Amino acid sequence: MTSPHRPTSRTITTLVGWGIGLQAFGAIYRPEVLGFFAASPGVLLLGMAALLSLPEALEHGTALRAWLLLGWGLVASLPAALVFGWSSLYAAKVVPLLILSISWMAPLLCLRALTVSMVRTAVISGIAISLLGYVVSDLQPTLLPDALRALIFGGGYDVYHDSRPRAFMTETSHFAALLGRYALVLMLISEAGRSYSAIRLLSGIGVITVGLFLTESKGAALSMAVTLLLTATGRRGLPYTVLLVPAAWFLIDSQICLLYTSPSPRD
């Protein structure tokens, strides 16, 4: 990461910083006609930053390879369009996924305009917004006035019947995935420039795993558990770990379902 020098770089840095933090508002859908385009204001800001950084990306190997990876995703989707034909449903899936992929990869696409301090501040802001959402949306939902709640949760997402936490996101998995990414980025930033410590790395991943398990998102918690296992076993244990993934998924999914499924009343 380098400090921004040109006005364009400062603009991109600002857009990325706000975009990372505001991703914690993930259920806004304003205007609703844009669907996933405007599911979060952070998505739009990160997309704008990525497009503005495109000329500079041609001068930076990592950013250029990230754009090529996105391009390969489009090329790989063409065979399906040729086989099944182009349709409005196909476009409705491809275009939003492309926008979301650009927003998720924006830190790589805009690498030359980023600073460590900005990313750290943006991630901490996103975590703070997520925790605030957990309090006022899950623990004490009556704290939010109806008008403000309808504004934050567009498209009817203000009505939520699941007892699991979701903060300002669409649902639990959405919340856990974002929180996990925030935590991983913060951990990696804290490790930058420090000597490698396996104990510190495993401890950090373990704490994130426990945190994601507490959100009750099975997929997020299992992903981090597998990451912890892969990190602990190293390359030699990788083949065996991969073989255990399907069995672990079946076991964990079935056991958690038993915990959260109440027995049916007897007649």
C-alpha atoms as a PDB file:
ATOM      1  CA  MET A   1       0.000   0.000   0.000  1.00  0.00           C
ATOM      2  CA  THR A   2       1.215   3.463  -0.808  1.00  0.00           C
ATOM      3  CA  SER A   3       0.089   6.850   0.378  1.00  0.00           C
ATOM      4  CA  PRO A   4      -2.169   8.617  -2.123  1.00  0.00           C
ATOM      5  CA  HIS A   5      -0.564  11.546  -3.985  1.00  0.00           C
ATOM      6  CA  ARG A   6      -2.916  12.546  -6.766  1.00  0.00           C
ATOM      7  CA  PRO A   7      -6.438  13.972  -6.289  1.00  0.00           C
ATOM      8  CA  THR A   8      -7.890  10.900  -8.012  1.00  0.00           C
ATOM      9  CA  SER A   9      -6.111   8.647  -5.538  1.00  0.00           C
ATOM     10  CA  ARG A  10      -7.474  10.642  -2.591  1.00  0.00           C
ATOM     11  CA  THR A  11     -10.969  10.327  -4.028  1.00  0.00           C
ATOM     12  CA  ILE A  12     -10.560   6.594  -4.494  1.00  0.00           C
ATOM     13  CA  THR A  13      -9.167   6.229  -0.976  1.00  0.00           C
ATOM     14  CA  THR A  14     -12.176   8.070   0.460  1.00  0.00           C
ATOM     15  CA  LEU A  15     -14.652   5.990  -1.550  1.00  0.00           C
ATOM     16  CA  VAL A  16     -13.029   2.710  -0.507  1.00  0.00           C
ATOM     17  CA  GLY A  17     -12.890   3.729   3.154  1.00  0.00           C
ATOM     18  CA  TRP A  18     -16.539   4.725   3.268  1.00  0.00           C
ATOM     19  CA  GLY A  19     -17.481   1.723   1.153  1.00  0.00           C
ATOM     20  CA  ILE A  20     -15.819  -0.790   3.485  1.00  0.00           C
ATOM     21  CA  GLY A  21     -17.444   0.716   6.563  1.00  0.00           C
ATOM     22  CA  LEU A  22     -20.913   1.193   5.070  1.00  0.00           C
ATOM     23  CA  GLN A  23     -21.104  -2.397   3.886  1.00  0.00           C
ATOM     24  CA  ALA A  24     -22.416  -3.032   7.391  1.00  0.00           C
ATOM     25  CA  PHE A  25     -25.691  -1.476   6.154  1.00  0.00           C
ATOM     26  CA  GLY A  26     -26.478  -4.427   3.930  1.00  0.00           C
ATOM     27  CA  ALA A  27     -30.252  -4.379   3.549  1.00  0.00           C
ATOM     28  CA  ILE A  28     -31.038  -0.874   2.360  1.00  0.00           C
ATOM     29  CA  TYR A  29     -32.140  -1.579  -1.254  1.00  0.00           C
ATOM     30  CA  ARG A  30     -32.548   2.078  -2.253  1.00  0.00           C
ATOM     31  CA  PRO A  31     -33.790   2.467  -4.911  1.00  0.00           C
ATOM     32  CA  GLU A  32     -35.418  -0.950  -4.850  1.00  0.00           C
ATOM     33  CA  VAL A  33     -35.424  -1.256  -8.647  1.00  0.00           C
ATOM     34  CA  LEU A  34     -31.631  -1.678  -8.529  1.00  0.00           C
ATOM     35  CA  GLY A  35     -31.859  -4.727  -6.292  1.00  0.00           C
ATOM     36  CA  PHE A  36     -28.399  -5.972  -5.325  1.00  0.00           C
ATOM     37  CA  PHE A  37     -26.853  -2.907  -6.983  1.00  0.00           C
ATOM     38  CA  ALA A  38     -27.976  -0.837  -3.997  1.00  0.00           C
ATOM     39  CA  ALA A  39     -28.360  -3.498  -1.321  1.00  0.00           C
ATOM     40  CA  SER A  40     -25.747  -1.532   0.589  1.00  0.00           C
ATOM     41  CA  PRO A  41     -24.390   1.964  -0.029  1.00  0.00           C
ATOM     42  CA  GLY A  42     -20.961   0.420   0.511  1.00  0.00           C
ATOM     43  CA  VAL A  43     -21.378  -1.709  -2.622  1.00  0.00           C
ATOM     44  CA  LEU A  44     -22.017   1.330  -4.786  1.00  0.00           C
ATOM     45  CA  LEU A  45     -19.103   3.294  -3.314  1.00  0.00           C
ATOM     46  CA  LEU A  46     -16.672   0.400  -3.765  1.00  0.00           C
ATOM     47  CA  GLY A  47     -17.869  -0.104  -7.332  1.00  0.00           C
ATOM     48  CA  MET A  48     -17.296   3.566  -8.120  1.00  0.00           C
ATOM     49  CA  ALA A  49     -13.808   3.409  -6.590  1.00  0.00           C
ATOM     50  CA  ALA A  50     -12.927   0.334  -8.652  1.00  0.00           C
ATOM     51  CA  LEU A  51     -13.979   1.998 -11.905  1.00  0.00           C
ATOM     52  CA  LEU A  52     -12.040   5.183 -11.083  1.00  0.00           C
ATOM     53  CA  SER A  53      -8.927   3.136 -10.347  1.00  0.00           C
ATOM     54  CA  LEU A  54      -9.024   1.203 -13.618  1.00  0.00           C
ATOM     55  CA  PRO A  55      -6.464   3.428 -15.448  1.00  0.00           C
ATOM     56  CA  GLU A  56      -3.994   3.091 -12.565  1.00  0.00           C
ATOM     57  CA  ALA A  57      -4.558  -0.668 -12.400  1.00  0.00           C
ATOM     58  CA  LEU A  58      -2.807  -1.058 -15.754  1.00  0.00           C
ATOM     59  CA  GLU A  59       0.395   0.114 -14.036  1.00  0.00           C
ATOM     60  CA  HIS A  60       0.144  -2.236 -11.042  1.00  0.00           C
ATOM     61  CA  GLY A  61       0.605  -5.997 -11.386  1.00  0.00           C
ATOM     62  CA  THR A  62      -1.627  -7.092  -8.505  1.00  0.00           C
ATOM     63  CA  ALA A  63      -4.519  -4.809  -9.444  1.00  0.00           C
ATOM     64  CA  LEU A  64      -4.227  -5.792 -13.086  1.00  0.00           C
ATOM     65  CA  ARG A  65      -4.345  -9.500 -12.212  1.00  0.00           C
ATOM     66  CA  ALA A  66      -7.432  -8.860 -10.076  1.00  0.00           C
ATOM     67  CA  TRP A  67      -9.188  -7.254 -13.061  1.00  0.00           C
ATOM     68  CA  LEU A  68      -8.105 -10.168 -15.254  1.00  0.00           C
ATOM     69  CA  LEU A  69      -9.605 -12.554 -12.701  1.00  0.00           C
ATOM     70  CA  LEU A  70     -12.928 -10.705 -12.937  1.00  0.00           C
ATOM     71  CA  GLY A  71     -12.693 -10.838 -16.726  1.00  0.00           C
ATOM     72  CA  TRP A  72     -12.082 -14.562 -16.594  1.00  0.00           C
ATOM     73  CA  GLY A  73     -15.271 -14.935 -14.556  1.00  0.00           C
ATOM     74  CA  LEU A  74     -17.225 -13.281 -17.368  1.00  0.00           C
ATOM     75  CA  VAL A  75     -15.550 -15.452 -19.995  1.00  0.00           C
ATOM     76  CA  ALA A  76     -16.274 -18.590 -17.974  1.00  0.00           C
ATOM     77  CA  SER A  77     -19.971 -17.662 -17.832  1.00  0.00           C
ATOM     78  CA  LEU A  78     -20.291 -17.417 -21.610  1.00  0.00           C
ATOM     79  CA  PRO A  79     -20.560 -21.195 -22.309  1.00  0.00           C
ATOM     80  CA  ALA A  80     -23.687 -21.383 -20.162  1.00  0.00           C
ATOM     81  CA  ALA A  81     -25.201 -18.453 -22.072  1.00  0.00           C
ATOM     82  CA  LEU A  82     -24.360 -20.140 -25.394  1.00  0.00           C
ATOM     83  CA  VAL A  83     -25.856 -23.468 -24.320  1.00  0.00           C
ATOM     84  CA  PHE A  84     -29.006 -22.251 -22.595  1.00  0.00           C
ATOM     85  CA  GLY A  85     -29.432 -18.947 -24.396  1.00  0.00           C
ATOM     86  CA  TRP A  86     -29.515 -15.378 -23.121  1.00  0.00           C
ATOM     87  CA  SER A  87     -32.457 -14.443 -20.939  1.00  0.00           C
ATOM     88  CA  SER A  88     -33.505 -11.675 -18.609  1.00  0.00           C
ATOM     89  CA  LEU A  89     -33.188 -14.076 -15.662  1.00  0.00           C
ATOM     90  CA  TYR A  90     -29.590 -14.876 -16.639  1.00  0.00           C
ATOM     91  CA  ALA A  91     -28.772 -11.179 -16.876  1.00  0.00           C
ATOM     92  CA  ALA A  92     -30.474 -10.545 -13.530  1.00  0.00           C
ATOM     93  CA  LYS A  93     -28.068 -13.015 -11.957  1.00  0.00           C
ATOM     94  CA  VAL A  94     -24.856 -12.221 -13.828  1.00  0.00           C
ATOM     95  CA  VAL A  95     -24.883  -8.427 -13.564  1.00  0.00           C
ATOM     96  CA  PRO A  96     -25.533  -8.146  -9.785  1.00  0.00           C
ATOM     97  CA  LEU A  97     -22.963 -10.874  -9.099  1.00  0.00           C
ATOM     98  CA  LEU A  98     -20.431  -8.988 -11.205  1.00  0.00           C
ATOM     99  CA  ILE A  99     -21.098  -5.780  -9.261  1.00  0.00           C
ATOM    100  CA  LEU A 100     -20.824  -7.614  -5.952  1.00  0.00           C
ATOM    101  CA  SER A 101     -17.591  -9.312  -7.043  1.00  0.00           C
ATOM    102  CA  ILE A 102     -16.127  -5.937  -8.001  1.00  0.00           C
ATOM    103  CA  SER A 103     -17.071  -4.502  -4.612  1.00  0.00           C
ATOM    104  CA  TRP A 104     -15.611  -7.467  -2.713  1.00  0.00           C
ATOM    105  CA  MET A 105     -12.373  -7.237  -4.708  1.00  0.00           C
ATOM    106  CA  ALA A 106     -12.226  -3.433  -4.584  1.00  0.00           C
ATOM    107  CA  PRO A 107      -9.324  -3.347  -2.078  1.00  0.00           C
ATOM    108  CA  LEU A 108      -7.228  -5.279  -4.624  1.00  0.00           C
ATOM    109  CA  LEU A 109      -8.521  -3.340  -7.614  1.00  0.00           C
ATOM    110  CA  CYS A 110      -7.720  -0.042  -5.849  1.00  0.00           C
ATOM    111  CA  LEU A 111      -4.525  -1.214  -4.193  1.00  0.00           C
ATOM    112  CA  ARG A 112      -2.378   1.771  -5.195  1.00  0.00           C
ATOM    113  CA  ALA A 113      -4.737   4.239  -3.537  1.00  0.00           C
ATOM    114  CA  LEU A 114      -5.001   2.466  -0.174  1.00  0.00           C
ATOM    115  CA  THR A 115      -3.251   3.085   3.122  1.00  0.00           C
ATOM    116  CA  VAL A 116      -3.079   0.734   6.084  1.00  0.00           C
ATOM    117  CA  SER A 117      -4.459   3.355   8.477  1.00  0.00           C
ATOM    118  CA  MET A 118      -7.465   4.000   6.221  1.00  0.00           C
ATOM    119  CA  VAL A 119      -8.307   0.300   5.919  1.00  0.00           C
ATOM    120  CA  ARG A 120      -7.947  -0.185   9.667  1.00  0.00           C
ATOM    121  CA  THR A 121     -10.248   2.759  10.392  1.00  0.00           C
ATOM    122  CA  ALA A 122     -12.803   1.569   7.826  1.00  0.00           C
ATOM    123  CA  VAL A 123     -12.850  -1.979   9.206  1.00  0.00           C
ATOM    124  CA  ILE A 124     -13.190  -0.808  12.814  1.00  0.00           C
ATOM    125  CA  SER A 125     -16.054   1.485  11.725  1.00  0.00           C
ATOM    126  CA  GLY A 126     -17.749  -1.453  10.001  1.00  0.00           C
ATOM    127  CA  ILE A 127     -17.420  -3.594  13.131  1.00  0.00           C
ATOM    128  CA  ALA A 128     -18.804  -0.764  15.270  1.00  0.00           C
ATOM    129  CA  ILE A 129     -21.808  -0.364  12.947  1.00  0.00           C
ATOM    130  CA  SER A 130     -22.350  -4.140  13.022  1.00  0.00           C
ATOM    131  CA  LEU A 131     -22.294  -4.244  16.819  1.00  0.00           C
ATOM    132  CA  LEU A 132     -24.630  -1.248  16.989  1.00  0.00           C
ATOM    133  CA  GLY A 133     -26.959  -3.066  14.612  1.00  0.00           C
ATOM    134  CA  TYR A 134     -26.843  -6.164  16.786  1.00  0.00           C
ATOM    135  CA  VAL A 135     -27.952  -4.107  19.801  1.00  0.00           C
ATOM    136  CA  VAL A 136     -30.716  -2.019  18.216  1.00  0.00           C
ATOM    137  CA  SER A 137     -31.947  -4.592  15.706  1.00  0.00           C
ATOM    138  CA  ASP A 138     -31.625  -7.873  17.589  1.00  0.00           C
ATOM    139  CA  LEU A 139     -31.319  -7.277  21.330  1.00  0.00           C
ATOM    140  CA  GLN A 140     -33.531  -4.181  21.599  1.00  0.00           C
ATOM    141  CA  PRO A 141     -35.480  -3.815  18.322  1.00  0.00           C
ATOM    142  CA  THR A 142     -37.945  -1.376  19.898  1.00  0.00           C
ATOM    143  CA  LEU A 143     -35.157   1.227  20.155  1.00  0.00           C
ATOM    144  CA  LEU A 144     -35.437   1.940  16.426  1.00  0.00           C
ATOM    145  CA  PRO A 145     -38.410   4.091  15.373  1.00  0.00           C
ATOM    146  CA  ASP A 146     -40.546   2.462  12.696  1.00  0.00           C
ATOM    147  CA  ALA A 147     -39.665   5.102  10.085  1.00  0.00           C
ATOM    148  CA  LEU A 148     -35.920   4.680  10.670  1.00  0.00           C
ATOM    149  CA  ARG A 149     -36.252   0.906  10.692  1.00  0.00           C
ATOM    150  CA  ALA A 150     -38.082   0.957   7.352  1.00  0.00           C
ATOM    151  CA  LEU A 151     -35.350   3.205   5.928  1.00  0.00           C
ATOM    152  CA  ILE A 152     -32.485   0.957   7.062  1.00  0.00           C
ATOM    153  CA  PHE A 153     -34.216  -2.234   5.948  1.00  0.00           C
ATOM    154  CA  GLY A 154     -35.528  -1.568   2.453  1.00  0.00           C
ATOM    155  CA  GLY A 155     -37.515  -3.974   0.331  1.00  0.00           C
ATOM    156  CA  GLY A 156     -39.529  -5.296   3.257  1.00  0.00           C
ATOM    157  CA  TYR A 157     -36.532  -6.609   5.205  1.00  0.00           C
ATOM    158  CA  ASP A 158     -37.660  -4.700   8.294  1.00  0.00           C
ATOM    159  CA  VAL A 159     -39.871  -7.722   9.022  1.00  0.00           C
ATOM    160  CA  TYR A 160     -37.601 -10.495  10.277  1.00  0.00           C
ATOM    161  CA  HIS A 161     -38.934 -13.707  11.788  1.00  0.00           C
ATOM    162  CA  ASP A 162     -35.655 -15.498  12.464  1.00  0.00           C
ATOM    163  CA  SER A 163     -34.477 -15.397  16.077  1.00  0.00           C
ATOM    164  CA  ARG A 164     -30.810 -15.444  15.038  1.00  0.00           C
ATOM    165  CA  PRO A 165     -28.919 -12.114  14.927  1.00  0.00           C
ATOM    166  CA  ARG A 166     -28.535 -10.197  11.680  1.00  0.00           C
ATOM    167  CA  ALA A 167     -27.743  -6.584  12.750  1.00  0.00           C
ATOM    168  CA  PHE A 168     -28.332  -4.268   9.741  1.00  0.00           C
ATOM    169  CA  MET A 169     -28.001  -7.091   7.189  1.00  0.00           C
ATOM    170  CA  THR A 170     -30.563  -9.171   5.311  1.00  0.00           C
ATOM    171  CA  GLU A 171     -30.111 -12.295   7.444  1.00  0.00           C
ATOM    172  CA  THR A 172     -27.727 -14.155   9.745  1.00  0.00           C
ATOM    173  CA  SER A 173     -25.391 -15.600   7.110  1.00  0.00           C
ATOM    174  CA  HIS A 174     -25.009 -12.152   5.539  1.00  0.00           C
ATOM    175  CA  PHE A 175     -24.140 -10.665   8.925  1.00  0.00           C
ATOM    176  CA  ALA A 176     -21.696 -13.435   9.896  1.00  0.00           C
ATOM    177  CA  ALA A 177     -19.890 -13.389   6.538  1.00  0.00           C
ATOM    178  CA  LEU A 178     -19.287  -9.643   6.718  1.00  0.00           C
ATOM    179  CA  LEU A 179     -18.260  -9.751  10.374  1.00  0.00           C
ATOM    180  CA  GLY A 180     -15.848 -12.576   9.600  1.00  0.00           C
ATOM    181  CA  ARG A 181     -14.230 -10.626   6.757  1.00  0.00           C
ATOM    182  CA  TYR A 182     -13.881  -7.554   8.953  1.00  0.00           C
ATOM    183  CA  ALA A 183     -12.242  -9.607  11.707  1.00  0.00           C
ATOM    184  CA  LEU A 184      -9.846 -11.367   9.319  1.00  0.00           C
ATOM    185  CA  VAL A 185      -8.716  -8.091   7.745  1.00  0.00           C
ATOM    186  CA  LEU A 186      -8.155  -6.548  11.171  1.00  0.00           C
ATOM    187  CA  MET A 187      -6.153  -9.592  12.269  1.00  0.00           C
ATOM    188  CA  LEU A 188      -3.996  -9.513   9.128  1.00  0.00           C
ATOM    189  CA  ILE A 189      -3.312  -5.791   9.569  1.00  0.00           C
ATOM    190  CA  SER A 190      -2.246  -6.363  13.163  1.00  0.00           C
ATOM    191  CA  GLU A 191       0.116  -9.141  12.001  1.00  0.00           C
ATOM    192  CA  ALA A 192       1.731  -7.060   9.252  1.00  0.00           C
ATOM    193  CA  GLY A 193       5.379  -6.353   9.995  1.00  0.00           C
ATOM    194  CA  ARG A 194       5.503  -8.755  12.937  1.00  0.00           C
ATOM    195  CA  SER A 195       7.487 -11.980  13.070  1.00  0.00           C
ATOM    196  CA  TYR A 196       5.447 -15.074  12.310  1.00  0.00           C
ATOM    197  CA  SER A 197       3.882 -16.785  15.301  1.00  0.00           C
ATOM    198  CA  ALA A 198       1.850 -19.950  14.786  1.00  0.00           C
ATOM    199  CA  ILE A 199       0.350 -19.670  18.262  1.00  0.00           C
ATOM    200  CA  ARG A 200      -0.765 -16.075  17.667  1.00  0.00           C
ATOM    201  CA  LEU A 201      -2.204 -16.961  14.257  1.00  0.00           C
ATOM    202  CA  LEU A 202      -4.113 -20.002  15.526  1.00  0.00           C
ATOM    203  CA  SER A 203      -5.370 -18.051  18.535  1.00  0.00           C
ATOM    204  CA  GLY A 204      -6.679 -15.254  16.316  1.00  0.00           C
ATOM    205  CA  ILE A 205      -8.460 -17.647  13.968  1.00  0.00           C
ATOM    206  CA  GLY A 206      -9.828 -19.537  16.961  1.00  0.00           C
ATOM    207  CA  VAL A 207     -11.316 -16.386  18.482  1.00  0.00           C
ATOM    208  CA  ILE A 208     -12.958 -15.487  15.154  1.00  0.00           C
ATOM    209  CA  THR A 209     -14.311 -19.042  14.866  1.00  0.00           C
ATOM    210  CA  VAL A 210     -15.921 -18.822  18.312  1.00  0.00           C
ATOM    211  CA  GLY A 211     -17.348 -15.400  17.489  1.00  0.00           C
ATOM    212  CA  LEU A 212     -18.925 -16.630  14.274  1.00  0.00           C
ATOM    213  CA  PHE A 213     -20.326 -19.676  16.054  1.00  0.00           C
ATOM    214  CA  LEU A 214     -22.059 -17.303  18.473  1.00  0.00           C
ATOM    215  CA  THR A 215     -23.813 -15.620  15.530  1.00  0.00           C
ATOM    216  CA  GLU A 216     -25.429 -19.041  14.917  1.00  0.00           C
ATOM    217  CA  SER A 217     -24.394 -19.024  11.264  1.00  0.00           C
ATOM    218  CA  LYS A 218     -23.410 -22.643  10.579  1.00  0.00           C
ATOM    219  CA  GLY A 219     -21.711 -21.933   7.256  1.00  0.00           C
ATOM    220  CA  ALA A 220     -19.539 -19.102   8.572  1.00  0.00           C
ATOM    221  CA  ALA A 221     -18.527 -20.992  11.703  1.00  0.00           C
ATOM    222  CA  LEU A 222     -17.734 -24.162   9.762  1.00  0.00           C
ATOM    223  CA  SER A 223     -15.656 -22.209   7.235  1.00  0.00           C
ATOM    224  CA  MET A 224     -13.528 -20.717   9.974  1.00  0.00           C
ATOM    225  CA  ALA A 225     -13.250 -24.094  11.728  1.00  0.00           C
ATOM    226  CA  VAL A 226     -11.937 -25.656   8.508  1.00  0.00           C
ATOM    227  CA  THR A 227      -9.527 -22.721   8.120  1.00  0.00           C
ATOM    228  CA  LEU A 228      -8.297 -23.312  11.645  1.00  0.00           C
ATOM    229  CA  LEU A 229      -7.815 -27.012  10.905  1.00  0.00           C
ATOM    230  CA  LEU A 230      -5.953 -26.316   7.671  1.00  0.00           C
ATOM    231  CA  THR A 231      -3.700 -23.803   9.390  1.00  0.00           C
ATOM    232  CA  ALA A 232      -2.945 -26.182  12.245  1.00  0.00           C
ATOM    233  CA  THR A 233      -2.181 -29.226  10.090  1.00  0.00           C
ATOM    234  CA  GLY A 234      -0.163 -27.426   7.407  1.00  0.00           C
ATOM    235  CA  ARG A 235       0.453 -28.684   3.880  1.00  0.00           C
ATOM    236  CA  ARG A 236       1.065 -32.293   4.890  1.00  0.00           C
ATOM    237  CA  GLY A 237      -2.363 -32.606   6.414  1.00  0.00           C
ATOM    238  CA  LEU A 238      -4.165 -30.813   3.564  1.00  0.00           C
ATOM    239  CA  PRO A 239      -5.219 -33.947   1.580  1.00  0.00           C
ATOM    240  CA  TYR A 240      -6.643 -35.591   4.691  1.00  0.00           C
ATOM    241  CA  THR A 241      -8.404 -32.418   5.773  1.00  0.00           C
ATOM    242  CA  VAL A 242     -10.090 -32.067   2.383  1.00  0.00           C
ATOM    243  CA  LEU A 243     -11.373 -35.626   2.652  1.00  0.00           C
ATOM    244  CA  LEU A 244     -12.861 -34.847   6.061  1.00  0.00           C
ATOM    245  CA  VAL A 245     -14.773 -31.748   4.932  1.00  0.00           C
ATOM    246  CA  PRO A 246     -17.930 -33.546   3.619  1.00  0.00           C
ATOM    247  CA  ALA A 247     -18.125 -35.714   6.730  1.00  0.00           C
ATOM    248  CA  ALA A 248     -17.595 -32.714   9.011  1.00  0.00           C
ATOM    249  CA  TRP A 249     -20.275 -30.735   7.193  1.00  0.00           C
ATOM    250  CA  PHE A 250     -22.821 -33.554   7.560  1.00  0.00           C
ATOM    251  CA  LEU A 251     -21.990 -34.109  11.219  1.00  0.00           C
ATOM    252  CA  ILE A 252     -22.035 -30.448  12.269  1.00  0.00           C
ATOM    253  CA  ASP A 253     -25.164 -29.641  10.247  1.00  0.00           C
ATOM    254  CA  SER A 254     -27.105 -32.580  11.657  1.00  0.00           C
ATOM    255  CA  GLN A 255     -26.032 -31.895  15.251  1.00  0.00           C
ATOM    256  CA  ILE A 256     -26.850 -28.177  15.123  1.00  0.00           C
ATOM    257  CA  CYS A 257     -30.230 -28.951  13.555  1.00  0.00           C
ATOM    258  CA  LEU A 258     -30.967 -31.266  16.488  1.00  0.00           C
ATOM    259  CA  LEU A 259     -30.053 -28.515  18.948  1.00  0.00           C
ATOM    260  CA  TYR A 260     -32.308 -25.906  17.361  1.00  0.00           C
ATOM    261  CA  THR A 261     -35.240 -28.146  16.433  1.00  0.00           C
ATOM    262  CA  SER A 262     -37.741 -28.600  19.220  1.00  0.00           C
ATOM    263  CA  PRO A 263     -39.450 -31.983  19.478  1.00  0.00           C
ATOM    264  CA  SER A 264     -42.936 -32.151  18.038  1.00  0.00           C
ATOM    265  CA  PRO A 265     -45.745 -32.442  20.588  1.00  0.00           C
ATOM    266  CA  ARG A 266     -47.309 -35.831  21.013  1.00  0.00           C
ATOM    267  CA  ASP A 267     -50.877 -36.350  20.048  1.00  0.00           C
END
